[in-house]
C-alpha cells in the first residue's frame, strides 16, 4: 500500500501539470451562467471531469495501481529539476519542502485552449467541437427523461465550459493567438469587484496596491491599464476579487489557509484567497498582496511560471523586501508577448550636479527624458528607468513649464556653470541648489526671459538645443536649420543659420534626420552626442570614431538606430496610475 505522502505528491504533480499539462484555459473561472433545470449538475461529476484530461480511467488512478509508476517518477524528476533540486525521482525531504510552500494556483505546465479543443474527445464522438457547442447553446427544449445519465452529465459540463470560455478575449479566428500572444488591444480596463473586497484591509488600500501592481507591468511594456469603476462589467478586461472556498462562481475552490493563495486565467480574471493573511508591502507579518498581484497579473497577461529565484513569476511565494522590482527576465518575457515601448520625446539631457562626498567635491549626473507633461530618470548602469517613473514634470521640476519643454542647455565652462530650459519664446534659469527655477537670480535677473533678449539671433521658438563643450557654442535647431551661438561673445556665429545636414553630415548618404529634431544631447555615459527624432537616434562621430576611420566626416551622423535599443523600457502609464495615494 502506498503511503499518504506519496498519494499527495502525485496529486500535487497532477494538479499543477507535471504528469500531463493542465488544460487551464479550458476551465471555467467565474460569471458562469446558471444552467437550466433540465441540465442540472449530476450527482457525481468526477468521472466527467476525468474525460479528456487524464490518460487513464478513475480505476487506474487508484492508489494500489500507482506502485512503480514510471510516469510518476518522470514527473517528480522534472519537478525536481525545475526547482534546482537533486534529481532522484524519489519524494525526499527537499522535494516535500518545496511542495509544501505557499504558491499560486496557476498550473506549472498548461496546455493552451486550442490544444484542449483539438485533443479532448468531443461529447458525442464528433471532432467538430464548435458544432457541439452551438447545438448545446441553441437547445431550448427540456432534456428527454430517457436520455442516458452519461449523456446528460457530458452535456451539462459542455455547456458549463462554453459559457466560461465565451468571455475570453479573442484575436479574430485564431484562438491560439489569443491565448499565446496576450490581449490584442493596448489599453485594458480593470476593476476590483465591489462584492468581492477583502476583509483584511481597507478598500482604498486594496485598490492602491492593485493600481501599483498594474503600473509595475505598465512601466515595462506598451500596455496602459485603466481602473474603471463605472463601465458595464462586460467592458472590463480584468476583474479581480477576494473569496474563500467556493467563490465568485469559480470552478476552482480555494483551500483555506495553506497552499494556494490566488489563481488567474490568461486574458481573464484574478481571484485571491481571502483566508490567507494579505498585507501591504510595509508589513512582514503576512503575504505581500502587491507581490502576489504582480504575479497574478503576469498570468492574466500571458506569462507562465518562471523558475528563477529573482523572478516574480516563480510559482512559490518567497518573501521579498518591500521594494521588490520586476526581474530582467520577467521584463523580457512579457516583452516577447507585447513588444517594447517606443515613442518620441520633447527633450533629453544629462543633469550634472555637484556633491560633497567625504570632503571631496564630486560631480554626478542622471539622464532625463521628457515627454509631454511627464519625465523619466534613466539609470544608465542598470539600463532601465527609475522605479516609479514617469512622474509629472511639475512634481520634480518646480517653477518650470509643466508640459512640452523644448530644450535644455547646460553651459559649463571654466567660469560659468548655468542651466537653462526653453519653451516657446521664453527660457528659464534653474537653481540646482534649491531644485527650482529662478524667479530672480543673484544678479537680479528675473525669469522667465525672452529668448531674443538673452540669446540674440537664436531661433524663437526652437525645436531643441545643446551646449557643445568642444567649442563652447550653443547649437539651436529649428526645422532643417541650425544656428551656432557663441557663449563667450554672446552672439550668433557669423554665417549661421545653416542646413543641419551641412554642419552634421550623414555617414550614410541615405540616412539623416534632415530636420525637426526632437532632442540633441551629450551623454556622459556614452561620451557622445546623440540626435533623437521620433523612435530613432543618430550618434555623432567623435575623435575616437574618426581615428579608427579617418574617412568619416567631421560631426558625421552614424546610421540611425532605434531609441529603444539604447534606452530601454521608457513606457507611458495611464493617467489613472500616475498618481498613487499613500494608503
Protein backbone atom coordinates (compact mmCIF):
# COMPACT_ATOMS: atom_id res chain seq x y z
CA UNK A 1 0.00 0.00 0.00
CA UNK A 2 1.39 3.36 -0.98
CA UNK A 3 1.86 5.99 1.74
CA UNK A 4 -0.30 9.06 2.11
CA UNK A 5 2.59 11.41 1.30
CA UNK A 6 3.17 9.61 -1.99
CA UNK A 7 -0.51 9.92 -2.87
CA UNK A 8 -0.49 13.63 -2.04
CA UNK A 9 2.69 14.13 -4.06
CA UNK A 10 1.11 12.56 -7.12
CA UNK A 11 -1.99 14.68 -6.64
CA UNK A 12 0.25 17.78 -6.45
CA UNK A 13 2.08 16.78 -9.65
CA UNK A 14 -1.19 16.13 -11.48
CA UNK A 15 -2.83 19.29 -10.20
CA UNK A 16 -0.01 21.53 -11.35
CA UNK A 17 0.60 19.82 -14.69
CA UNK A 18 3.72 17.76 -14.12
CA UNK A 19 2.08 14.47 -15.16
CA UNK A 20 0.07 15.91 -18.04
CA UNK A 21 -0.23 19.62 -18.94
CA UNK A 22 -3.40 21.01 -17.40
CA UNK A 23 -5.94 22.50 -19.87
CA UNK A 24 -6.24 25.50 -17.56
CA UNK A 25 -7.79 27.79 -20.16
CA UNK A 26 -10.45 25.11 -20.66
CA UNK A 27 -11.57 25.50 -17.04
CA UNK A 28 -14.37 27.83 -16.01
CA UNK A 29 -13.35 30.81 -13.88
CA UNK A 30 -16.39 32.76 -12.92
CA UNK A 31 -19.56 34.53 -14.06
CA UNK A 32 -20.83 31.20 -15.38
CA UNK A 33 -24.47 31.35 -16.40
CA UNK A 34 -26.61 29.08 -14.27
CA UNK A 35 -27.78 26.05 -16.29
CA UNK A 36 -31.46 25.49 -16.92
CA UNK A 37 -33.26 23.00 -14.69
CA UNK A 38 -33.08 20.32 -17.35
CA UNK A 39 -29.26 20.46 -17.24
CA UNK A 40 -28.82 20.09 -13.51
CA UNK A 41 -25.38 19.28 -12.18
CA UNK A 42 -25.10 15.48 -11.98
CA UNK A 43 -24.62 13.93 -8.61
CA UNK A 44 -21.12 12.67 -9.45
CA UNK A 45 -19.12 15.00 -11.72
CA UNK A 46 -15.73 13.44 -11.03
CA UNK A 47 -15.97 10.85 -13.82
CA UNK A 48 -16.89 13.53 -16.33
CA UNK A 49 -14.01 15.76 -15.23
CA UNK A 50 -11.58 12.92 -15.94
CA UNK A 51 -12.66 12.57 -19.56
CA UNK A 52 -10.20 14.10 -22.00
CA UNK A 53 -7.89 15.22 -19.19
CA UNK A 54 -6.38 12.07 -17.74
CA UNK A 55 -4.79 9.39 -19.87
CA UNK A 56 -6.19 6.69 -17.60
CA UNK A 57 -9.51 5.80 -16.03
CA UNK A 58 -10.59 6.55 -12.49
CA UNK A 59 -9.94 2.92 -11.59
CA UNK A 60 -6.40 3.09 -13.00
CA UNK A 61 -5.65 6.09 -10.79
CA UNK A 62 -6.48 4.39 -7.51
CA UNK A 63 -3.54 4.19 -5.06
CA UNK A 64 -3.00 0.41 -5.41
CA UNK A 65 -2.14 0.88 -9.08
CA UNK A 66 0.47 3.64 -8.53
CA UNK A 67 3.32 1.38 -7.40
CA UNK A 68 6.47 1.80 -9.51
CA UNK A 69 4.60 4.12 -11.86
CA UNK A 70 7.27 5.36 -14.32
CA UNK A 71 5.12 8.39 -15.23
CA UNK A 72 5.12 9.44 -11.57
CA UNK A 73 8.89 9.07 -11.33
CA UNK A 74 9.35 11.02 -14.55
CA UNK A 75 7.01 13.82 -13.39
CA UNK A 76 8.71 14.02 -10.00
CA UNK A 77 12.12 14.17 -11.67
CA UNK A 78 11.01 17.04 -13.93
CA UNK A 79 9.65 18.89 -10.90
CA UNK A 80 12.93 18.43 -9.03
CA UNK A 81 14.97 19.62 -12.00
CA UNK A 82 12.84 22.75 -12.49
CA UNK A 83 13.24 23.62 -8.81
CA UNK A 84 17.03 23.15 -8.88
CA UNK A 85 16.85 20.07 -6.63
CA UNK A 86 18.91 16.93 -6.89
CA UNK A 87 17.04 14.78 -9.41
CA UNK A 88 16.32 11.47 -7.69
CA UNK A 89 12.78 10.59 -8.75
CA UNK A 90 12.17 9.98 -5.04
CA UNK A 91 9.98 12.02 -2.72
CA UNK A 92 12.78 13.24 -0.46
CA UNK A 93 12.74 15.92 2.23
CA UNK A 94 13.90 18.74 -0.07
CA UNK A 95 11.13 17.93 -2.56
CA UNK A 96 8.49 17.77 0.18
CA UNK A 97 9.63 21.18 1.43
CA UNK A 98 9.11 22.77 -1.98
CA UNK A 99 5.71 21.12 -2.42
CA UNK A 100 4.56 22.42 0.96
CA UNK A 101 5.37 26.07 0.23
CA UNK A 102 2.55 28.58 -0.33
CA UNK A 103 2.09 29.04 -4.03
CA UNK A 104 -0.02 30.26 -6.92
CA UNK A 105 -2.87 28.03 -8.13
CA UNK A 106 -1.95 28.52 -11.80
CA UNK A 107 -0.54 25.22 -13.12
CA UNK A 108 3.18 25.00 -13.84
CA UNK A 109 2.53 23.12 -17.07
CA UNK A 110 -0.55 24.02 -19.10
CA UNK A 111 -1.98 23.13 -22.47
CA UNK A 112 -3.44 26.01 -24.43
CA UNK A 113 -7.12 26.29 -25.12
CA UNK A 114 -6.75 25.34 -28.76
CA UNK A 115 -4.83 22.20 -27.77
CA UNK A 116 -7.63 21.24 -25.40
CA UNK A 117 -10.27 21.75 -28.05
CA UNK A 118 -8.29 19.79 -30.63
CA UNK A 119 -7.22 16.87 -28.47
CA UNK A 120 -10.03 16.30 -25.99
CA UNK A 121 -12.73 13.89 -27.24
CA UNK A 122 -15.96 15.64 -28.10
CA UNK A 123 -19.03 14.83 -26.08
CA UNK A 124 -20.79 12.98 -28.89
CA UNK A 125 -17.73 11.47 -30.54
CA UNK A 126 -17.52 14.10 -33.26
CA UNK A 127 -14.32 16.06 -33.90
CA UNK A 128 -16.23 19.29 -34.52
CA UNK A 129 -16.35 20.80 -31.04
CA UNK A 130 -17.74 24.14 -32.15
CA UNK A 131 -20.74 22.43 -33.70
CA UNK A 132 -21.43 20.61 -30.48
CA UNK A 133 -21.13 23.85 -28.50
CA UNK A 134 -23.55 25.57 -30.84
CA UNK A 135 -26.07 22.79 -30.52
CA UNK A 136 -25.79 22.87 -26.76
CA UNK A 137 -26.27 26.63 -26.59
CA UNK A 138 -29.20 26.63 -29.03
CA UNK A 139 -31.08 23.81 -27.35
CA UNK A 140 -34.26 25.18 -25.82
CA UNK A 141 -36.41 22.16 -25.08
CA UNK A 142 -36.25 20.05 -21.93
CA UNK A 143 -33.97 17.02 -21.99
CA UNK A 144 -35.56 13.69 -22.59
CA UNK A 145 -36.28 11.71 -19.47
CA UNK A 146 -34.96 8.69 -21.32
CA UNK A 147 -31.63 10.39 -22.03
CA UNK A 148 -28.77 8.37 -20.53
CA UNK A 149 -27.18 9.79 -17.38
CA UNK A 150 -23.74 9.89 -19.03
CA UNK A 151 -25.03 11.98 -21.95
CA UNK A 152 -26.76 14.43 -19.59
CA UNK A 153 -23.57 14.72 -17.50
CA UNK A 154 -21.49 15.46 -20.54
CA UNK A 155 -23.92 17.98 -21.99
CA UNK A 156 -24.05 19.83 -18.68
CA UNK A 157 -20.26 20.11 -18.49
CA UNK A 158 -20.05 21.11 -22.15
CA UNK A 159 -22.44 23.97 -21.52
CA UNK A 160 -20.64 24.94 -18.35
CA UNK A 161 -17.28 25.21 -20.09
CA UNK A 162 -18.69 27.00 -23.14
CA UNK A 163 -20.26 29.72 -21.03
CA UNK A 164 -16.98 30.23 -19.19
CA UNK A 165 -14.86 30.35 -22.32
CA UNK A 166 -17.17 32.77 -24.11
CA UNK A 167 -15.80 35.73 -22.13
CA UNK A 168 -12.20 35.24 -23.34
CA UNK A 169 -10.66 37.99 -25.42
CA UNK A 170 -10.14 36.58 -28.94
CA UNK A 171 -7.94 37.68 -31.84
CA UNK A 172 -10.25 37.09 -34.78
CA UNK A 173 -10.47 33.43 -35.69
CA UNK A 174 -7.20 32.41 -34.11
CA UNK A 175 -7.92 31.26 -30.57
CA UNK A 176 -4.34 30.04 -30.16
CA UNK A 177 -3.03 33.55 -30.83
CA UNK A 178 -5.49 34.97 -28.31
CA UNK A 179 -4.07 32.75 -25.59
CA UNK A 180 -0.40 32.67 -26.62
CA UNK A 181 0.10 36.30 -27.61
CA UNK A 182 -1.97 38.09 -25.00
CA UNK A 183 -4.53 40.83 -25.39
CA UNK A 184 -4.94 42.33 -28.84
CA UNK A 185 -5.60 45.86 -27.63
CA UNK A 186 -3.13 48.15 -25.92
CA UNK A 187 -5.44 49.78 -23.38
CA UNK A 188 -7.03 47.48 -20.79
CA UNK A 189 -9.61 48.18 -18.12
CA UNK A 190 -9.56 46.53 -14.71
CA UNK A 191 -11.74 46.58 -11.63
CA UNK A 192 -11.73 45.24 -8.09
CA UNK A 193 -15.21 43.74 -7.97
CA UNK A 194 -17.38 45.56 -5.46
CA UNK A 195 -18.90 42.44 -3.92
CA UNK A 196 -15.50 40.77 -3.57
CA UNK A 197 -13.41 43.08 -1.41
CA UNK A 198 -11.03 41.65 1.16
CA UNK A 199 -11.97 41.94 4.83
CA UNK A 200 -8.31 42.29 5.81
CA UNK A 201 -7.52 45.84 4.72
CA UNK A 202 -9.33 48.98 3.68
CA UNK A 203 -10.85 49.19 0.21
CA UNK A 204 -8.68 52.19 -0.65
CA UNK A 205 -5.56 50.28 0.35
CA UNK A 206 -6.57 47.28 -1.76
CA UNK A 207 -7.18 49.47 -4.80
CA UNK A 208 -3.93 51.38 -4.29
CA UNK A 209 -1.88 48.18 -4.15
CA UNK A 210 -3.61 46.78 -7.24
CA UNK A 211 -3.04 50.05 -9.13
CA UNK A 212 0.64 49.84 -8.25
CA UNK A 213 0.78 46.19 -9.38
CA UNK A 214 -0.69 47.06 -12.78
CA UNK A 215 1.60 50.07 -13.01
CA UNK A 216 4.71 47.93 -12.46
CA UNK A 217 3.88 46.00 -15.63
CA UNK A 218 2.87 49.15 -17.49
CA UNK A 219 6.33 50.59 -16.83
CA UNK A 220 7.98 47.89 -18.98
CA UNK A 221 5.51 47.10 -21.81
CA UNK A 222 3.40 49.21 -24.20
CA UNK A 223 0.15 48.48 -22.33
CA UNK A 224 -1.90 51.00 -20.42
CA UNK A 225 -4.12 49.87 -17.57
CA UNK A 226 -7.11 51.95 -16.52
CA UNK A 227 -9.03 51.39 -13.32
CA UNK A 228 -12.67 51.62 -14.42
CA UNK A 229 -15.38 51.74 -11.76
CA UNK A 230 -18.33 52.72 -13.92
CA UNK A 231 -18.42 50.90 -17.28
CA UNK A 232 -20.60 47.80 -17.72
CA UNK A 233 -19.00 44.65 -16.40
CA UNK A 234 -18.72 43.26 -19.92
CA UNK A 235 -16.34 46.11 -20.83
CA UNK A 236 -13.87 45.24 -18.08
CA UNK A 237 -10.92 43.21 -19.33
CA UNK A 238 -9.55 42.01 -15.98
CA UNK A 239 -11.77 41.67 -12.92
CA UNK A 240 -10.19 40.98 -9.54
CA UNK A 241 -11.75 39.80 -6.31
CA UNK A 242 -11.22 38.10 -2.96
CA UNK A 243 -13.09 34.98 -1.91
CA UNK A 244 -13.00 31.86 0.22
CA UNK A 245 -13.54 28.20 -0.66
CA UNK A 246 -16.15 28.13 -3.43
CA UNK A 247 -16.03 31.74 -4.54
CA UNK A 248 -17.39 34.11 -7.18
CA UNK A 249 -18.94 31.30 -9.25
CA UNK A 250 -15.44 29.95 -9.89
CA UNK A 251 -14.96 26.26 -10.73
CA UNK A 252 -11.70 26.20 -8.75
CA UNK A 253 -12.13 26.18 -4.96
CA UNK A 254 -9.61 27.73 -2.61
CA UNK A 255 -8.11 25.51 0.07
CA UNK A 256 -8.28 27.86 3.07
CA UNK A 257 -5.16 28.84 4.96
CA UNK A 258 -2.37 26.84 3.43
CA UNK A 259 -1.02 26.26 -0.02
CA UNK A 260 -2.82 28.16 -2.80
CA UNK A 261 -3.20 31.90 -2.22
CA UNK A 262 -4.50 33.04 -5.64
CA UNK A 263 -5.15 31.99 -9.21
CA UNK A 264 -5.65 33.69 -12.55
CA UNK A 265 -6.55 32.97 -16.17
CA UNK A 266 -4.83 34.14 -19.30
CA UNK A 267 -6.81 37.07 -20.69
CA UNK A 268 -9.19 36.64 -17.79
CA UNK A 269 -9.85 37.27 -14.14
CA UNK A 270 -7.84 37.09 -10.92
CA UNK A 271 -9.00 35.66 -7.58
CA UNK A 272 -7.29 35.92 -4.19
CA UNK A 273 -7.92 33.51 -1.30
CA UNK A 274 -9.20 35.74 1.50
CA UNK A 275 -8.44 33.05 4.06
CA UNK A 276 -4.78 33.95 3.58
CA UNK A 277 -3.33 36.87 5.54
CA UNK A 278 -2.65 39.51 2.88
CA UNK A 279 -0.74 42.60 3.96
CA UNK A 280 0.75 45.76 2.46
CA UNK A 281 4.45 45.73 1.45
CA UNK A 282 5.30 47.71 4.58
CA UNK A 283 4.41 44.70 6.77
CA UNK A 284 6.39 41.48 7.08
CA UNK A 285 3.71 39.62 9.04
CA UNK A 286 1.81 38.06 6.14
CA UNK A 287 1.67 37.60 2.38
CA UNK A 288 2.59 40.69 0.38
CA UNK A 289 -0.53 41.49 -1.66
CA UNK A 290 1.44 43.68 -4.06
CA UNK A 291 3.83 40.86 -4.95
CA UNK A 292 1.02 38.34 -5.36
CA UNK A 293 -0.98 40.78 -7.52
CA UNK A 294 2.01 41.46 -9.79
CA UNK A 295 2.44 37.69 -10.18
CA UNK A 296 -1.21 37.02 -11.00
CA UNK A 297 -1.44 39.97 -13.40
CA UNK A 298 1.53 38.41 -15.16
CA UNK A 299 -0.56 35.27 -15.72
CA UNK A 300 -3.59 37.28 -16.90
CA UNK A 301 -1.34 38.98 -19.45
CA UNK A 302 0.00 35.66 -20.73
CA UNK A 303 3.09 34.67 -18.75
CA UNK A 304 3.59 31.15 -17.38
CA UNK A 305 5.58 30.35 -14.25
CA UNK A 306 9.29 31.15 -14.48
CA UNK A 307 11.80 29.15 -12.44
CA UNK A 308 14.27 31.86 -11.47
CA UNK A 309 14.95 32.82 -7.86
CA UNK A 310 14.60 36.54 -8.62
CA UNK A 311 11.52 36.20 -10.81
CA UNK A 312 8.18 37.46 -9.59
CA UNK A 313 6.65 34.70 -11.74
CA UNK A 314 8.11 31.76 -9.81
CA UNK A 315 5.23 29.56 -8.59
CA UNK A 316 6.15 29.52 -4.89
CA UNK A 317 5.74 32.54 -2.67
CA UNK A 318 9.09 33.78 -1.39
CA UNK A 319 9.01 36.92 0.75
CA UNK A 320 10.82 39.89 -0.76
CA UNK A 321 11.67 43.21 0.77
CA UNK A 322 9.04 45.88 0.36
CA UNK A 323 10.85 47.47 -2.61
CA UNK A 324 10.98 44.41 -4.87
CA UNK A 325 11.12 45.02 -8.62
CA UNK A 326 10.50 43.05 -11.78
CA UNK A 327 13.37 40.79 -12.71
CA UNK A 328 15.13 41.40 -16.04
CA UNK A 329 13.87 38.04 -17.31
CA UNK A 330 10.29 38.91 -16.28
CA UNK A 331 10.52 42.09 -18.34
CA UNK A 332 11.94 40.37 -21.40
CA UNK A 333 9.44 37.52 -21.21
CA UNK A 334 6.50 39.92 -21.13
CA UNK A 335 8.02 41.97 -23.95
CA UNK A 336 8.12 38.82 -26.07
CA UNK A 337 4.32 38.95 -25.94
CA UNK A 338 3.61 42.69 -26.14
CA UNK A 339 6.76 44.22 -27.60
CA UNK A 340 8.84 47.13 -26.32
CA UNK A 341 7.93 50.74 -25.55
CA UNK A 342 8.72 53.33 -28.18
CA UNK A 343 7.87 56.98 -28.71
CA UNK A 344 9.26 60.46 -29.23
CA UNK A 345 10.48 62.88 -26.56
CA UNK A 346 10.25 66.62 -26.18
CA UNK A 347 13.77 66.87 -24.74
CA UNK A 348 16.55 64.65 -23.35
CA UNK A 349 19.54 65.70 -21.25
CA UNK A 350 22.11 64.70 -18.66
CA UNK A 351 21.69 66.62 -15.41
CA UNK A 352 25.06 67.21 -13.74
CA UNK A 353 25.11 68.13 -10.07
CA UNK A 354 27.86 68.74 -7.55
CA UNK A 355 28.08 66.68 -4.38
CA UNK A 356 30.45 66.88 -1.41
CA UNK A 357 31.43 63.28 -0.60
CA UNK A 358 33.88 62.63 2.26
CA UNK A 359 35.08 66.20 1.98
CA UNK A 360 35.77 65.90 -1.75
CA UNK A 361 33.74 67.64 -4.46
CA UNK A 362 32.26 65.08 -6.84
CA UNK A 363 30.18 65.59 -9.95
CA UNK A 364 27.35 63.16 -10.59
CA UNK A 365 24.81 63.01 -13.39
CA UNK A 366 21.47 61.47 -14.26
CA UNK A 367 19.79 61.19 -17.66
CA UNK A 368 16.27 62.57 -18.05
CA UNK A 369 13.70 62.01 -20.77
CA UNK A 370 10.80 64.49 -21.05
CA UNK A 371 7.61 63.71 -22.96
CA UNK A 372 4.58 65.98 -22.84
CA UNK A 373 3.96 66.64 -19.12
CA UNK A 374 5.89 63.63 -17.78
CA UNK A 375 9.51 62.71 -17.21
CA UNK A 376 11.65 59.64 -16.58
CA UNK A 377 15.04 59.41 -14.90
CA UNK A 378 17.12 56.79 -16.66
CA UNK A 379 19.52 54.64 -14.66
CA UNK A 380 22.31 54.04 -17.15
CA UNK A 381 24.17 51.49 -15.03
CA UNK A 382 21.16 49.19 -14.78
CA UNK A 383 19.80 50.10 -18.23
CA UNK A 384 16.31 50.99 -17.05
CA UNK A 385 14.19 53.85 -15.84
CA UNK A 386 13.92 54.63 -12.18
CA UNK A 387 11.33 52.56 -10.33
CA UNK A 388 8.09 54.55 -10.13
CA UNK A 389 8.62 56.71 -13.22
CA UNK A 390 7.18 58.53 -15.09
CA UNK A 391 6.32 61.44 -12.84
CA UNK A 392 4.67 64.80 -13.62
CA UNK A 393 7.21 67.49 -14.55
CA UNK A 394 5.51 69.74 -12.01
CA UNK A 395 6.37 67.34 -9.18
CA UNK A 396 10.10 67.22 -9.85
CA UNK A 397 10.99 70.44 -11.64
CA UNK A 398 9.50 73.41 -9.84
CA UNK A 399 8.86 76.85 -11.36
CA UNK A 400 9.18 75.48 -14.90
CA UNK A 401 6.55 74.98 -17.62
CA UNK A 402 4.58 71.86 -16.75
CA UNK A 403 4.42 70.49 -20.29
CA UNK A 404 6.22 70.36 -23.66
CA UNK A 405 9.62 71.74 -22.64
CA UNK A 406 11.56 72.01 -25.90
CA UNK A 407 15.21 72.23 -24.89
CA UNK A 408 17.73 72.08 -22.06
CA UNK A 409 21.14 73.74 -22.18
CA UNK A 410 23.89 73.34 -19.60
CA UNK A 411 26.62 75.95 -20.13
CA UNK A 412 29.66 74.54 -18.36
CA UNK A 413 32.94 76.40 -18.87
CA UNK A 414 35.88 77.33 -16.65
CA UNK A 415 33.99 80.40 -15.39
CA UNK A 416 30.29 79.56 -15.93
CA UNK A 417 28.02 76.77 -14.74
CA UNK A 418 24.38 77.56 -15.52
CA UNK A 419 21.38 75.53 -16.69
CA UNK A 420 18.52 76.76 -18.84
CA UNK A 421 15.18 75.34 -20.02
CA UNK A 422 13.46 76.63 -23.17
CA UNK A 423 9.85 76.67 -24.31
CA UNK A 424 8.22 78.80 -26.96
CA UNK A 425 9.76 82.26 -26.96
CA UNK A 426 10.98 82.08 -23.34
CA UNK A 427 13.68 80.49 -21.25
CA UNK A 428 14.14 79.75 -17.53
CA UNK A 429 17.32 79.52 -15.48
CA UNK A 430 17.35 76.66 -12.97
CA UNK A 431 18.65 76.86 -9.40
CA UNK A 432 20.21 73.44 -8.80
CA UNK A 433 20.91 74.23 -5.13
CA UNK A 434 17.26 74.84 -4.30
CA UNK A 435 16.00 72.49 -7.03
CA UNK A 436 13.68 75.00 -8.68
CA UNK A 437 13.58 77.52 -11.47
CA UNK A 438 14.75 81.01 -10.59
CA UNK A 439 12.20 83.76 -10.39
CA UNK A 440 15.13 86.11 -9.79
CA UNK A 441 18.82 85.14 -9.75
CA UNK A 442 21.66 86.64 -7.66
CA UNK A 443 22.38 89.16 -10.42
CA UNK A 444 18.83 90.48 -10.17
CA UNK A 445 17.67 88.99 -13.47
CA UNK A 446 14.05 87.90 -13.42
CA UNK A 447 12.74 84.77 -15.14
CA UNK A 448 11.35 83.67 -17.48
CA UNK A 449 13.04 85.84 -20.11
CA UNK A 450 12.56 86.22 -23.83
CA UNK A 451 14.99 84.15 -25.89
CA UNK A 452 15.69 87.07 -28.19
CA UNK A 453 16.91 89.12 -25.22
CA UNK A 454 19.19 86.51 -23.70
CA UNK A 455 20.39 84.83 -26.90
CA UNK A 456 20.21 87.42 -29.70
CA UNK A 457 19.99 85.81 -33.12
CA UNK A 458 18.84 82.43 -31.82
CA UNK A 459 15.60 80.99 -33.29
CA UNK A 460 12.50 81.57 -31.19
CA UNK A 461 10.72 79.24 -30.76
CA UNK A 462 13.05 76.30 -31.45
CA UNK A 463 12.94 72.52 -31.78
CA UNK A 464 15.87 71.76 -29.48
CA UNK A 465 19.36 72.93 -28.44
CA UNK A 466 22.54 71.72 -26.77
CA UNK A 467 25.83 73.16 -25.48
CA UNK A 468 28.98 71.77 -27.12
CA UNK A 469 31.94 71.83 -24.71
CA UNK A 470 34.33 71.28 -27.61
CA UNK A 471 33.89 74.85 -28.92
CA UNK A 472 31.79 76.49 -26.17
CA UNK A 473 28.93 77.11 -28.59
CA UNK A 474 25.21 76.52 -28.16
CA UNK A 475 23.60 74.92 -31.20
CA UNK A 476 19.94 75.87 -31.68
CA UNK A 477 17.85 73.72 -34.06
CA UNK A 478 14.69 74.73 -35.87
CA UNK A 479 13.20 72.95 -38.88
CA UNK A 480 16.09 71.88 -41.13
CA UNK A 481 18.43 74.63 -39.90
CA UNK A 482 20.93 75.02 -37.06
CA UNK A 483 22.26 78.23 -35.52
CA UNK A 484 25.58 78.35 -33.64
CA UNK A 485 25.72 80.81 -30.74
CA UNK A 486 28.99 81.82 -29.04
CA UNK A 487 28.68 81.81 -25.26
CA UNK A 488 31.92 83.77 -24.85
CA UNK A 489 30.89 86.50 -27.34
CA UNK A 490 27.17 86.30 -26.51
CA UNK A 491 26.19 86.46 -30.17
CA UNK A 492 25.34 84.34 -33.16
CA UNK A 493 28.29 82.93 -35.11
CA UNK A 494 28.70 84.58 -38.48
CA UNK A 495 27.40 82.51 -41.41
CA UNK A 496 24.60 80.86 -39.44
CA UNK A 497 21.93 79.56 -39.67
CA UNK A 498 22.98 76.68 -41.90
CA UNK A 499 21.37 73.47 -43.03
CA UNK A 500 21.67 70.79 -40.37
CA UNK A 501 22.89 68.35 -42.99
CA UNK A 502 25.80 70.70 -43.81
CA UNK A 503 27.03 71.02 -40.21
CA UNK A 504 26.22 67.42 -39.24
CA UNK A 505 26.56 65.46 -42.50
CA UNK A 506 25.45 61.82 -42.83
CA UNK A 507 27.93 58.96 -42.73
CA UNK A 508 25.46 57.08 -44.93
CA UNK A 509 24.16 59.41 -47.62
CA UNK A 510 20.65 57.99 -47.37
CA UNK A 511 20.37 58.10 -43.58
CA UNK A 512 19.90 61.51 -41.98
CA UNK A 513 17.12 63.11 -39.84
CA UNK A 514 17.18 66.25 -42.07
CA UNK A 515 15.19 68.41 -39.64
CA UNK A 516 12.53 68.75 -36.95
CA UNK A 517 14.83 67.18 -34.35
CA UNK A 518 13.24 66.30 -31.00
CA UNK A 519 16.41 66.36 -28.90
CA UNK A 520 20.18 66.69 -29.14
CA UNK A 521 22.26 65.95 -26.07
CA UNK A 522 25.71 64.99 -24.89
CA UNK A 523 25.71 61.71 -22.94
CA UNK A 524 28.30 61.45 -20.17
CA UNK A 525 27.65 57.72 -20.04
CA UNK A 526 28.44 57.11 -23.69
CA UNK A 527 30.72 60.15 -24.09
CA UNK A 528 28.93 61.01 -27.30
CA UNK A 529 26.42 63.44 -28.82
CA UNK A 530 23.08 61.98 -29.90
CA UNK A 531 20.39 63.33 -32.23
CA UNK A 532 16.93 61.96 -31.39
CA UNK A 533 13.89 62.13 -33.66
CA UNK A 534 10.72 60.11 -33.14
CA UNK A 535 11.75 56.48 -32.47
CA UNK A 536 15.32 56.83 -33.74
CA UNK A 537 18.69 58.26 -32.78
CA UNK A 538 21.89 59.12 -34.63
CA UNK A 539 25.27 59.18 -32.91
CA UNK A 540 27.70 61.97 -33.85
CA UNK A 541 31.09 60.64 -34.92
CA UNK A 542 33.70 61.63 -32.32
CA UNK A 543 37.51 61.71 -32.25
CA UNK A 544 37.74 58.02 -31.46
CA UNK A 545 35.48 57.13 -34.39
CA UNK A 546 37.49 59.32 -36.77
CA UNK A 547 40.76 57.95 -35.50
CA UNK A 548 39.60 54.44 -36.35
CA UNK A 549 38.02 55.58 -39.63
CA UNK A 550 39.71 58.77 -40.90
CA UNK A 551 37.30 58.95 -43.83
CA UNK A 552 34.41 59.83 -41.52
CA UNK A 553 33.24 63.45 -41.92
CA UNK A 554 33.57 65.97 -39.08
CA UNK A 555 30.42 65.75 -36.91
CA UNK A 556 29.15 62.98 -39.17
CA UNK A 557 25.93 61.23 -38.09
CA UNK A 558 26.21 57.45 -37.94
CA UNK A 559 23.25 55.49 -39.38
CA UNK A 560 20.15 55.60 -37.26
CA UNK A 561 19.20 53.09 -34.61
CA UNK A 562 16.03 52.66 -32.58
CA UNK A 563 15.95 54.60 -29.32
CA UNK A 564 14.59 51.52 -27.55
CA UNK A 565 17.78 49.60 -28.39
CA UNK A 566 19.90 52.06 -26.41
CA UNK A 567 17.49 53.26 -23.72
CA UNK A 568 15.03 50.51 -22.82
CA UNK A 569 11.66 50.44 -21.07
CA UNK A 570 10.71 54.12 -21.25
CA UNK A 571 6.98 53.45 -21.13
CA UNK A 572 3.85 55.55 -20.82
CA UNK A 573 1.48 54.86 -17.94
CA UNK A 574 -2.25 55.56 -17.95
CA UNK A 575 -3.05 58.81 -16.09
CA UNK A 576 -5.19 56.88 -13.57
CA UNK A 577 -1.99 55.07 -12.49
CA UNK A 578 0.35 58.05 -12.37
CA UNK A 579 -0.71 59.41 -9.03
CA UNK A 580 -0.98 56.83 -6.26
CA UNK A 581 -2.28 57.68 -2.81
CA UNK A 582 -0.34 56.83 0.35
CA UNK A 583 -3.00 54.49 1.64
